[in-house]
Amino acid sequence: MENRISKGIQINNEIQISKEVQKALDLLNYKKLTNVQEKVVPVAIAEKDVIVKAQTGSGKTAAYAIPLCEKVIWEENKPQALVLTPTRELAAQVKEEIINIGRFKRVKAAAVYGKQSYERQKIELKQKNHIVTGTPGRVLDHIEKNSLDTTNIRFLVIDEADQMLNMGFIDQVEAIIARIPANRVTMLFSATFPYGVEELSKRHMSLPEYIEINSTEASRPNINHAIIEVEADEKTDVLKKVLITENPDSCIIFCQTQVEVDKLEKSLLRSQYPVEKLHGGMKQEDRFDVMDRFKEGAFRYLVATGVAGRGIDVADIDLVINYDVPAEKENYVHRIGRTGRAGKKGKARTLVTPSEHGYIDDIEDFIGEQITRVPRPGKEEVKKAMKAFQIKLKKKPQLKENKAKKLNQDIMKLYFNGGKKKKLRAVDFVGTLSSINGIQSDDIGIITIQERETYVEVLNGKGPLVLEEMKHRTIKGKQLKVHPAKK
């Protein structure tokens, strides 16, 4: 049975996706459920533990975000679901996905991670949040300092568990699990299934259902991946030739170290390539800005470390280049999985020096196939491709439409200059706004009440009406200033 979202997703005879989540998925342009979503959503909605082996690009974030948005109890103020991710970028991306999917159910989510103000996160966690996403270190920090209340956690998601293991986070994950209720649903997602991940699942999951989206169902068949043999001192030259002949609209180039990323970015900038860099040594706001600009197509080439690149969810990356061979074999799968996503074709090339052949042997053993060897681009091939390359190089980038733009275009966020200090509650805003002629409760979205201010999302294109009316109305007897929010 094909699950077309536009017709309403009937997962099985007992489980139906709510009209609120359905509406959000339609506006987010979900055409149909992917394999992993089709298999995971009903299991998660039925509140069973589940282990999912699926590669990046298979749609796994929505596979758990949909059931989480369906299962949270809106009236409950304490977090009911916790999502652990290996990187800050992925934590932020997951939070946005949850907010988008849960928009019309008014699901609130917070993300906590390092290199961002602890106090700012502490204040956010004091607000009503249904779901919290975060990296293990910062999540554990908030739990130990009592700024994250886990007493009502009913769902735990461990995303990219193999990366948690590779990055040494498993002990922190174990410590978090020890501090949340044992009576919960646990969902574990991993592209690979090494021994440490298997042991984690055995210790902390109850009769889990095992779902594997194998290579014929996932993204690797869509990826033409191959090796190019190079000497160490000619890597940059060969890279540039590959970029000329492939001439991608969007490309990620992975390096092993931050130093290598900085060095390569400078070299490409000198050659006037539209390139930016991404690595953990950058300020967090700069990293998010680079990611957002890359997603919208503001520049074509991104040079990144493997860790920093984990949070990049771009549907149409044409080409991935491993400038350095990943030292961990699992990371080869993760890196090339940045292309060939959502059923599209992709290409990956790995530059291999003589000293890196041992890594390639390990990777080939791990993926169970020999990686094709291809020659470097020849002089005539480069010459033939140069004109088209230069035309595209000079062309102004065509910015891509953000997938949430359609979802958000009918939403206006309003600022009110009163909050907890004035004893205001969400119910006070709902009551007042609902009394406006033409406004119903389902026109009111997420309400965030802070100490001295409140933010209210007004849905369905009715923001201007509420803005005008609230200039002349009081809330709980108090006249508040109101204007469109800046954030």
Protein backbone atom coordinates (compact mmCIF):
# COMPACT_ATOMS: atom_id res chain seq x y z
CA MET A 1 0.00 0.00 0.00
CA GLU A 2 1.44 3.39 -0.93
CA ASN A 3 1.26 5.95 1.84
CA ARG A 4 0.54 9.22 0.06
CA ILE A 5 0.61 12.01 2.58
CA SER A 6 -1.71 14.23 0.55
CA LYS A 7 -4.47 11.66 1.06
CA GLY A 8 -3.82 11.22 4.76
CA ILE A 9 -1.48 8.55 6.04
CA GLN A 10 -3.22 5.40 7.16
CA ILE A 11 -0.37 3.48 8.77
CA ASN A 12 -2.53 0.48 9.52
CA ASN A 13 -6.14 -0.16 10.48
CA GLU A 14 -5.66 1.08 14.05
CA ILE A 15 -3.24 4.00 13.65
CA GLN A 16 -3.99 7.26 11.86
CA ILE A 17 -1.82 10.36 11.74
CA SER A 18 -3.68 13.34 13.19
CA LYS A 19 -4.96 16.09 10.94
CA GLU A 20 -2.62 18.60 12.63
CA VAL A 21 0.52 16.57 11.85
CA GLN A 22 -0.93 15.73 8.43
CA LYS A 23 -1.31 19.43 7.62
CA ALA A 24 2.29 20.16 8.63
CA LEU A 25 3.63 17.27 6.53
CA ASP A 26 1.65 18.48 3.52
CA LEU A 27 3.08 22.00 3.87
CA LEU A 28 6.59 20.57 4.35
CA ASN A 29 6.09 18.84 0.97
CA TYR A 30 6.38 15.27 2.21
CA LYS A 31 5.15 13.28 -0.79
CA LYS A 32 5.05 9.85 0.81
CA LEU A 33 6.57 7.94 3.67
CA THR A 34 10.08 6.58 3.16
CA ASN A 35 10.78 2.93 3.97
CA VAL A 36 12.15 3.71 7.40
CA GLN A 37 9.21 5.99 8.25
CA GLU A 38 6.68 3.43 7.05
CA LYS A 39 8.18 0.77 9.31
CA VAL A 40 9.10 2.81 12.39
CA VAL A 41 6.10 5.14 12.83
CA PRO A 42 3.51 2.45 13.70
CA VAL A 43 5.91 0.69 16.10
CA ALA A 44 6.74 3.94 17.89
CA ILE A 45 3.11 5.07 18.04
CA ALA A 46 2.28 1.67 19.56
CA GLU A 47 4.92 2.57 22.20
CA LYS A 48 7.25 -0.36 21.59
CA ASP A 49 11.04 -0.23 21.84
CA VAL A 50 12.68 -0.24 18.43
CA ILE A 51 16.20 -0.61 17.02
CA VAL A 52 16.62 0.86 13.55
CA LYS A 53 19.59 0.24 11.29
CA ALA A 54 19.30 2.81 8.52
CA GLN A 55 21.73 5.02 6.67
CA THR A 56 21.73 8.80 6.65
CA GLY A 57 19.33 10.25 4.12
CA SER A 58 16.68 7.60 4.75
CA GLY A 59 14.30 9.97 6.55
CA LYS A 60 14.91 8.66 10.06
CA THR A 61 14.47 12.03 11.82
CA ALA A 62 10.84 12.23 10.71
CA ALA A 63 10.47 8.51 11.52
CA TYR A 64 10.72 9.37 15.21
CA ALA A 65 9.61 13.02 15.08
CA ILE A 66 6.15 12.08 13.74
CA PRO A 67 5.32 9.64 16.58
CA LEU A 68 6.82 11.93 19.22
CA CYS A 69 4.60 14.80 18.05
CA GLU A 70 1.60 12.46 18.09
CA LYS A 71 2.28 11.01 21.54
CA VAL A 72 3.21 14.04 23.66
CA ILE A 73 0.49 15.33 25.95
CA TRP A 74 0.14 19.04 25.25
CA GLU A 75 -1.08 19.99 28.74
CA GLU A 76 1.99 18.48 30.42
CA ASN A 77 4.63 21.13 31.21
CA LYS A 78 7.63 18.86 31.86
CA PRO A 79 9.60 17.26 29.00
CA GLN A 80 8.14 13.95 27.84
CA ALA A 81 10.73 12.99 25.22
CA LEU A 82 14.51 13.24 25.08
CA VAL A 83 16.48 12.96 21.83
CA LEU A 84 20.25 12.45 22.09
CA THR A 85 22.46 13.31 19.10
CA PRO A 86 26.24 13.21 18.65
CA THR A 87 26.62 16.78 17.36
CA ARG A 88 25.28 20.25 18.09
CA GLU A 89 24.26 20.76 14.48
CA LEU A 90 22.17 17.61 14.47
CA ALA A 91 20.54 18.52 17.81
CA ALA A 92 19.49 21.90 16.39
CA GLN A 93 18.29 20.33 13.14
CA VAL A 94 16.20 17.72 14.98
CA LYS A 95 14.63 20.42 17.14
CA GLU A 96 13.59 22.37 14.03
CA GLU A 97 12.16 19.24 12.40
CA ILE A 98 10.11 18.46 15.51
CA ILE A 99 8.82 22.03 15.76
CA ASN A 100 7.86 22.02 12.07
CA ILE A 101 6.08 18.65 12.20
CA GLY A 102 4.38 19.50 15.49
CA ARG A 103 3.54 23.08 14.51
CA PHE A 104 -0.24 22.70 14.48
CA LYS A 105 -0.24 20.58 17.63
CA ARG A 106 1.69 23.41 19.32
CA VAL A 107 4.54 21.08 20.23
CA LYS A 108 7.38 22.91 21.96
CA ALA A 109 10.97 21.72 21.74
CA ALA A 110 14.30 22.92 23.10
CA ALA A 111 17.86 22.06 22.06
CA VAL A 112 20.80 22.01 24.48
CA TYR A 113 24.45 21.60 23.49
CA GLY A 114 27.94 22.89 24.25
CA LYS A 115 29.44 26.21 23.13
CA GLN A 116 26.15 27.95 23.86
CA SER A 117 25.27 29.82 27.05
CA TYR A 118 24.35 27.39 29.82
CA GLU A 119 22.28 30.08 31.57
CA ARG A 120 20.32 30.83 28.39
CA GLN A 121 19.52 27.13 28.03
CA LYS A 122 18.59 26.93 31.71
CA ILE A 123 16.04 29.72 31.23
CA GLU A 124 14.62 27.99 28.15
CA LEU A 125 14.30 24.69 30.03
CA LYS A 126 12.22 26.45 32.69
CA GLN A 127 9.61 27.04 30.00
CA LYS A 128 7.08 24.45 28.93
CA ASN A 129 8.89 22.03 26.63
CA HIS A 130 7.41 18.77 25.38
CA ILE A 131 10.62 17.50 23.78
CA VAL A 132 14.30 18.22 24.46
CA THR A 133 17.09 17.44 21.99
CA GLY A 134 20.77 17.67 22.78
CA THR A 135 24.29 16.33 22.91
CA PRO A 136 25.02 13.88 25.77
CA GLY A 137 27.51 16.08 27.64
CA ARG A 138 25.29 19.14 27.91
CA VAL A 139 22.12 17.10 28.55
CA LEU A 140 23.85 15.30 31.44
CA ASP A 141 25.11 18.62 32.76
CA HIS A 142 21.56 20.02 32.89
CA ILE A 143 20.23 16.85 34.54
CA GLU A 144 22.94 16.88 37.23
CA LYS A 145 22.32 20.58 37.95
CA ASN A 146 18.54 20.01 38.11
CA SER A 147 17.79 22.38 35.23
CA LEU A 148 16.39 19.53 33.11
CA ASP A 149 13.57 17.65 34.83
CA THR A 150 13.44 14.07 33.54
CA THR A 151 10.72 12.70 35.83
CA ASN A 152 8.12 12.65 33.03
CA ILE A 153 10.33 11.37 30.20
CA ARG A 154 8.33 8.66 28.40
CA PHE A 155 10.36 8.48 25.18
CA LEU A 156 14.12 8.28 24.67
CA VAL A 157 15.65 8.50 21.20
CA ILE A 158 19.34 7.73 20.68
CA ASP A 159 20.16 9.01 17.20
CA GLU A 160 23.33 8.02 15.33
CA ALA A 161 24.35 5.66 18.13
CA ASP A 162 27.43 4.47 16.25
CA GLN A 163 28.72 8.03 16.12
CA MET A 164 28.10 8.37 19.87
CA LEU A 165 30.34 5.34 20.29
CA ASN A 166 33.05 6.66 17.94
CA MET A 167 33.10 10.02 19.73
CA GLY A 168 33.33 8.49 23.20
CA PHE A 169 29.86 9.55 24.38
CA ILE A 170 28.49 6.15 25.39
CA ASP A 171 29.41 6.56 29.10
CA GLN A 172 27.48 9.85 29.16
CA VAL A 173 24.53 8.19 27.40
CA GLU A 174 24.58 5.45 30.07
CA ALA A 175 24.63 8.08 32.83
CA ILE A 176 21.62 9.85 31.27
CA ILE A 177 19.69 6.59 30.97
CA ALA A 178 20.31 5.92 34.67
CA ARG A 179 18.62 9.23 35.49
CA ILE A 180 15.42 8.88 33.46
CA PRO A 181 12.40 6.66 34.18
CA ALA A 182 12.87 2.96 33.41
CA ASN A 183 9.26 2.77 32.26
CA ARG A 184 9.75 4.42 28.88
CA VAL A 185 9.91 3.77 25.14
CA THR A 186 13.46 3.65 23.75
CA MET A 187 14.27 4.14 20.07
CA LEU A 188 17.82 3.57 18.87
CA PHE A 189 18.94 4.61 15.39
CA SER A 190 22.30 3.73 13.86
CA ALA A 191 23.73 3.51 10.34
CA THR A 192 26.05 0.73 11.51
CA PHE A 193 25.77 -1.69 14.42
CA PRO A 194 29.14 -2.17 16.17
CA TYR A 195 29.53 -4.22 19.35
CA GLY A 196 29.26 -1.25 21.73
CA VAL A 197 25.90 -0.19 20.26
CA GLU A 198 24.61 -3.76 20.44
CA GLU A 199 25.60 -3.98 24.12
CA LEU A 200 23.91 -0.65 24.86
CA SER A 201 20.66 -1.91 23.34
CA LYS A 202 20.82 -5.18 25.31
CA ARG A 203 21.26 -3.35 28.61
CA HIS A 204 18.61 -0.70 28.21
CA MET A 205 15.87 -1.86 25.84
CA SER A 206 12.88 -4.09 26.47
CA LEU A 207 12.04 -6.66 23.77
CA PRO A 208 12.88 -4.21 20.98
CA GLU A 209 11.62 -4.68 17.45
CA TYR A 210 14.56 -4.72 15.03
CA ILE A 211 14.13 -2.86 11.75
CA GLU A 212 16.85 -2.86 9.11
CA ILE A 213 16.60 -0.76 5.99
CA ASN A 214 19.14 -2.67 3.92
CA SER A 215 21.26 -1.31 1.11
CA THR A 216 18.65 -2.11 -1.54
CA GLU A 217 16.13 0.05 0.32
CA ALA A 218 18.36 2.86 1.52
CA SER A 219 20.59 5.40 -0.16
CA ARG A 220 23.83 3.67 -1.24
CA PRO A 221 22.52 2.25 -4.55
CA ASN A 222 21.77 5.85 -5.58
CA ILE A 223 25.42 6.80 -4.98
CA ASN A 224 28.13 6.30 -7.58
CA HIS A 225 31.16 6.13 -5.26
CA ALA A 226 34.73 5.58 -6.38
CA ILE A 227 38.40 6.02 -5.47
CA ILE A 228 41.00 8.20 -7.19
CA GLU A 229 44.65 7.31 -6.50
CA VAL A 230 46.85 10.37 -5.76
CA GLU A 231 50.16 11.33 -4.22
CA ALA A 232 49.94 13.50 -1.10
CA ASP A 233 51.43 16.58 -2.79
CA GLU A 234 48.96 16.53 -5.71
CA LYS A 235 45.68 16.16 -3.78
CA THR A 236 44.61 19.80 -4.12
CA ASP A 237 45.39 19.87 -7.83
CA VAL A 238 43.44 16.65 -8.45
CA LEU A 239 40.56 17.94 -6.31
CA LYS A 240 40.26 21.07 -8.44
CA LYS A 241 40.25 18.97 -11.62
CA VAL A 242 37.45 16.81 -10.21
CA LEU A 243 35.45 19.93 -9.33
CA ILE A 244 35.91 21.27 -12.87
CA THR A 245 34.85 18.06 -14.63
CA GLU A 246 31.98 17.22 -12.26
CA ASN A 247 30.90 20.89 -12.00
CA PRO A 248 28.43 20.26 -9.14
CA ASP A 249 25.80 22.73 -8.00
CA SER A 250 26.39 21.63 -4.42
CA CYS A 251 29.40 19.79 -3.01
CA ILE A 252 30.83 18.84 0.40
CA ILE A 253 34.56 18.23 0.72
CA PHE A 254 35.51 16.32 3.87
CA CYS A 255 38.88 16.68 5.61
CA GLN A 256 40.15 14.91 8.73
CA THR A 257 41.32 17.96 10.70
CA GLN A 258 40.38 21.58 11.30
CA VAL A 259 43.86 22.65 10.13
CA GLU A 260 43.36 20.83 6.82
CA VAL A 261 39.91 22.45 6.40
CA ASP A 262 41.37 25.94 6.94
CA LYS A 263 44.24 25.27 4.54
CA LEU A 264 42.04 23.85 1.77
CA GLU A 265 39.44 26.60 2.05
CA LYS A 266 42.16 29.25 1.60
CA SER A 267 43.50 27.44 -1.47
CA LEU A 268 40.04 27.25 -3.07
CA LEU A 269 39.29 30.89 -2.23
CA ARG A 270 42.54 31.92 -3.95
CA SER A 271 41.22 30.15 -7.05
CA GLN A 272 37.94 32.10 -6.63
CA TYR A 273 35.77 29.10 -5.80
CA PRO A 274 32.49 29.99 -3.96
CA VAL A 275 33.53 28.10 -0.83
CA GLU A 276 33.09 28.29 2.93
CA LYS A 277 34.30 26.11 5.79
CA LEU A 278 32.72 24.32 8.73
CA HIS A 279 34.48 22.84 11.76
CA GLY A 280 34.30 22.66 15.54
CA GLY A 281 36.84 25.44 16.09
CA MET A 282 34.39 28.03 14.77
CA LYS A 283 31.90 29.95 16.92
CA GLN A 284 28.57 28.16 17.13
CA GLU A 285 26.58 31.02 15.59
CA ASP A 286 29.03 31.10 12.67
CA ARG A 287 28.62 27.34 12.16
CA PHE A 288 24.84 27.63 12.08
CA ASP A 289 25.06 30.58 9.70
CA VAL A 290 27.31 28.62 7.31
CA MET A 291 24.97 25.62 7.43
CA ASP A 292 21.89 27.74 6.74
CA ARG A 293 23.57 29.51 3.83
CA PHE A 294 24.78 26.22 2.35
CA LYS A 295 21.29 24.74 2.61
CA GLU A 296 19.78 27.69 0.75
CA GLY A 297 22.47 27.49 -1.95
CA ALA A 298 24.26 30.78 -1.22
CA PHE A 299 27.59 29.07 -2.08
CA ARG A 300 28.42 25.80 -3.83
CA TYR A 301 31.36 24.24 -2.02
CA LEU A 302 31.59 23.44 1.68
CA VAL A 303 34.87 22.21 3.20
CA ALA A 304 34.15 20.48 6.50
CA THR A 305 35.42 18.06 9.08
CA GLY A 306 33.42 14.84 9.31
CA VAL A 307 32.02 15.71 12.74
CA ALA A 308 30.86 19.19 11.74
CA GLY A 309 29.23 17.82 8.60
CA ARG A 310 26.99 15.47 10.57
CA GLY A 311 24.18 18.00 10.96
CA ILE A 312 23.88 18.94 7.31
CA ASP A 313 20.56 17.76 5.93
CA VAL A 314 20.47 18.93 2.32
CA ALA A 315 18.36 16.91 -0.10
CA ASP A 316 20.28 17.70 -3.28
CA ILE A 317 24.04 17.56 -2.71
CA ASP A 318 25.43 16.41 -6.07
CA LEU A 319 28.92 15.44 -5.00
CA VAL A 320 30.80 14.41 -1.86
CA ILE A 321 34.59 14.35 -1.92
CA ASN A 322 36.70 12.71 0.76
CA TYR A 323 39.82 14.85 0.53
CA ASP A 324 41.16 12.62 3.31
CA VAL A 325 40.11 9.00 3.77
CA PRO A 326 38.09 8.70 7.01
CA ALA A 327 40.08 6.85 9.68
CA GLU A 328 36.93 5.15 11.04
CA LYS A 329 35.35 2.83 8.48
CA GLU A 330 31.81 3.68 9.65
CA ASN A 331 32.41 7.32 8.76
CA TYR A 332 32.80 6.43 5.09
CA VAL A 333 29.16 5.33 5.05
CA HIS A 334 28.09 8.46 6.93
CA ARG A 335 30.06 10.82 4.70
CA ILE A 336 28.96 9.48 1.33
CA GLY A 337 25.42 9.36 2.74
CA ARG A 338 25.34 13.17 2.50
CA THR A 339 24.58 12.69 -1.22
CA GLY A 340 22.02 10.48 -2.95
CA ARG A 341 19.38 11.43 -0.38
CA ALA A 342 15.60 11.17 -0.62
CA GLY A 343 15.81 8.84 -3.63
CA LYS A 344 18.00 11.16 -5.71
CA LYS A 345 21.20 10.17 -7.52
CA GLY A 346 24.52 11.22 -6.03
CA LYS A 347 28.24 10.86 -6.59
CA ALA A 348 31.14 10.44 -4.14
CA ARG A 349 34.88 10.45 -4.81
CA THR A 350 37.65 9.61 -2.35
CA LEU A 351 41.23 10.77 -2.88
CA VAL A 352 43.56 8.03 -1.66
CA THR A 353 47.30 8.39 -1.04
CA PRO A 354 49.58 5.33 -0.78
CA SER A 355 49.65 5.61 3.03
CA GLU A 356 45.83 5.41 3.22
CA HIS A 357 45.32 2.06 1.48
CA GLY A 358 44.95 0.27 4.83
CA TYR A 359 41.91 2.41 5.62
CA ILE A 360 40.38 1.55 2.25
CA ASP A 361 40.85 -2.19 2.90
CA ASP A 362 38.98 -1.80 6.21
CA ILE A 363 36.19 0.18 4.54
CA GLU A 364 35.76 -2.40 1.78
CA ASP A 365 35.60 -5.24 4.32
CA PHE A 366 33.04 -3.25 6.29
CA ILE A 367 30.70 -2.42 3.38
CA GLY A 368 31.14 -5.84 1.79
CA GLU A 369 32.17 -4.65 -1.65
CA GLN A 370 35.19 -3.40 -3.53
CA ILE A 371 35.08 0.31 -4.26
CA THR A 372 35.54 1.15 -7.94
CA ARG A 373 38.86 2.76 -8.93
CA VAL A 374 38.59 5.56 -11.49
CA PRO A 375 41.37 7.60 -13.13
CA ARG A 376 41.91 11.23 -12.27
CA PRO A 377 40.51 13.68 -14.85
CA GLY A 378 42.87 14.03 -17.83
CA LYS A 379 44.07 17.24 -19.46
CA GLU A 380 41.64 17.01 -22.40
CA GLU A 381 38.70 16.19 -20.11
CA VAL A 382 39.47 19.23 -17.94
CA LYS A 383 39.90 21.47 -20.99
CA LYS A 384 36.57 20.32 -22.43
CA ALA A 385 34.74 20.96 -19.13
CA MET A 386 36.39 24.31 -18.35
CA LYS A 387 33.99 26.61 -20.23
CA ALA A 388 30.86 25.24 -18.52
CA PHE A 389 32.69 25.35 -15.19
CA GLN A 390 33.66 29.01 -15.59
CA ILE A 391 30.15 29.99 -16.69
CA LYS A 392 28.69 28.39 -13.57
CA LEU A 393 31.44 29.93 -11.42
CA LYS A 394 30.42 33.44 -12.51
CA LYS A 395 26.71 32.73 -12.28
CA LYS A 396 24.81 34.20 -9.34
CA PRO A 397 23.53 31.34 -7.15
CA GLN A 398 19.83 30.53 -7.34
CA LEU A 399 18.69 30.36 -3.72
CA LYS A 400 16.65 27.30 -2.77
CA GLU A 401 13.32 27.59 -1.03
CA ASN A 402 13.46 26.56 2.60
CA LYS A 403 11.23 23.51 3.04
CA ALA A 404 9.58 25.17 6.05
CA LYS A 405 8.83 28.42 4.17
CA LYS A 406 5.38 27.27 3.03
CA LEU A 407 4.65 26.02 6.53
CA ASN A 408 5.64 29.33 8.12
CA GLN A 409 4.25 31.81 5.59
CA ASP A 410 0.84 31.95 7.28
CA ILE A 411 2.33 32.22 10.77
CA MET A 412 3.01 35.51 12.54
CA LYS A 413 4.87 35.58 15.84
CA LEU A 414 3.74 38.41 18.11
CA TYR A 415 5.63 40.00 21.00
CA PHE A 416 3.81 41.15 24.14
CA ASN A 417 5.66 43.15 26.82
CA GLY A 418 4.37 41.10 29.75
CA GLY A 419 5.13 37.68 31.14
CA LYS A 420 5.57 35.80 34.39
CA LYS A 421 6.34 38.96 36.38
CA LYS A 422 2.81 40.16 35.56
CA LYS A 423 1.37 36.75 36.56
CA LEU A 424 0.36 35.97 32.98
CA ARG A 425 -0.25 32.38 31.84
CA ALA A 426 -0.77 30.76 28.46
CA VAL A 427 -4.45 30.27 29.22
CA ASP A 428 -4.84 34.06 29.64
CA PHE A 429 -3.55 34.67 26.12
CA VAL A 430 -5.62 31.84 24.64
CA GLY A 431 -8.78 33.16 26.30
CA THR A 432 -8.27 36.75 25.15
CA LEU A 433 -7.22 35.91 21.60
CA SER A 434 -10.06 33.39 21.19
CA SER A 435 -12.56 36.13 22.09
CA ILE A 436 -11.59 38.06 18.94
CA ASN A 437 -14.22 37.63 16.24
CA GLY A 438 -12.84 35.22 13.62
CA ILE A 439 -10.18 33.66 15.89
CA GLN A 440 -10.51 30.10 17.14
CA SER A 441 -8.25 28.13 19.47
CA ASP A 442 -6.64 26.27 16.55
CA ASP A 443 -5.50 29.63 15.14
CA ILE A 444 -3.21 29.99 18.16
CA GLY A 445 0.15 28.25 18.01
CA ILE A 446 3.05 28.02 20.42
CA ILE A 447 2.99 30.45 23.35
CA THR A 448 6.31 31.16 25.08
CA ILE A 449 6.02 33.05 28.35
CA GLN A 450 9.25 34.52 29.73
CA GLU A 451 9.84 36.70 32.79
CA ARG A 452 8.99 40.04 31.18
CA GLU A 453 7.73 39.15 27.71
CA THR A 454 5.58 36.65 25.86
CA TYR A 455 5.71 35.36 22.29
CA VAL A 456 2.57 34.03 20.62
CA GLU A 457 2.41 32.35 17.22
CA VAL A 458 -0.80 33.13 15.33
CA LEU A 459 -1.57 30.61 12.58
CA ASN A 460 -3.61 30.45 9.38
CA GLY A 461 -2.78 33.96 8.18
CA LYS A 462 -4.68 35.61 11.05
CA GLY A 463 -1.69 37.38 12.61
CA PRO A 464 -2.52 40.87 11.24
CA LEU A 465 -6.08 40.61 12.63
CA VAL A 466 -4.83 39.66 16.11
CA LEU A 467 -2.11 42.34 16.01
CA GLU A 468 -4.64 45.08 15.25
CA GLU A 469 -7.23 43.85 17.76
CA MET A 470 -4.75 43.42 20.62
CA LYS A 471 -3.74 47.07 20.42
CA HIS A 472 -7.13 47.83 21.99
CA ARG A 473 -7.68 44.81 24.27
CA THR A 474 -6.34 43.84 27.67
CA ILE A 475 -5.05 40.51 28.91
CA LYS A 476 -6.07 39.75 32.49
CA GLY A 477 -6.91 43.44 32.87
CA LYS A 478 -3.48 44.55 31.66
CA GLN A 479 -2.89 46.62 28.52
CA LEU A 480 0.24 45.24 26.84
CA LYS A 481 2.33 46.59 24.01
CA VAL A 482 2.21 44.27 21.00
CA HIS A 483 4.18 44.13 17.76
CA PRO A 484 5.56 41.49 15.36
CA ALA A 485 8.40 39.64 17.07
CA LYS A 486 11.95 40.12 15.87
CA LYS A 487 12.98 36.59 16.83
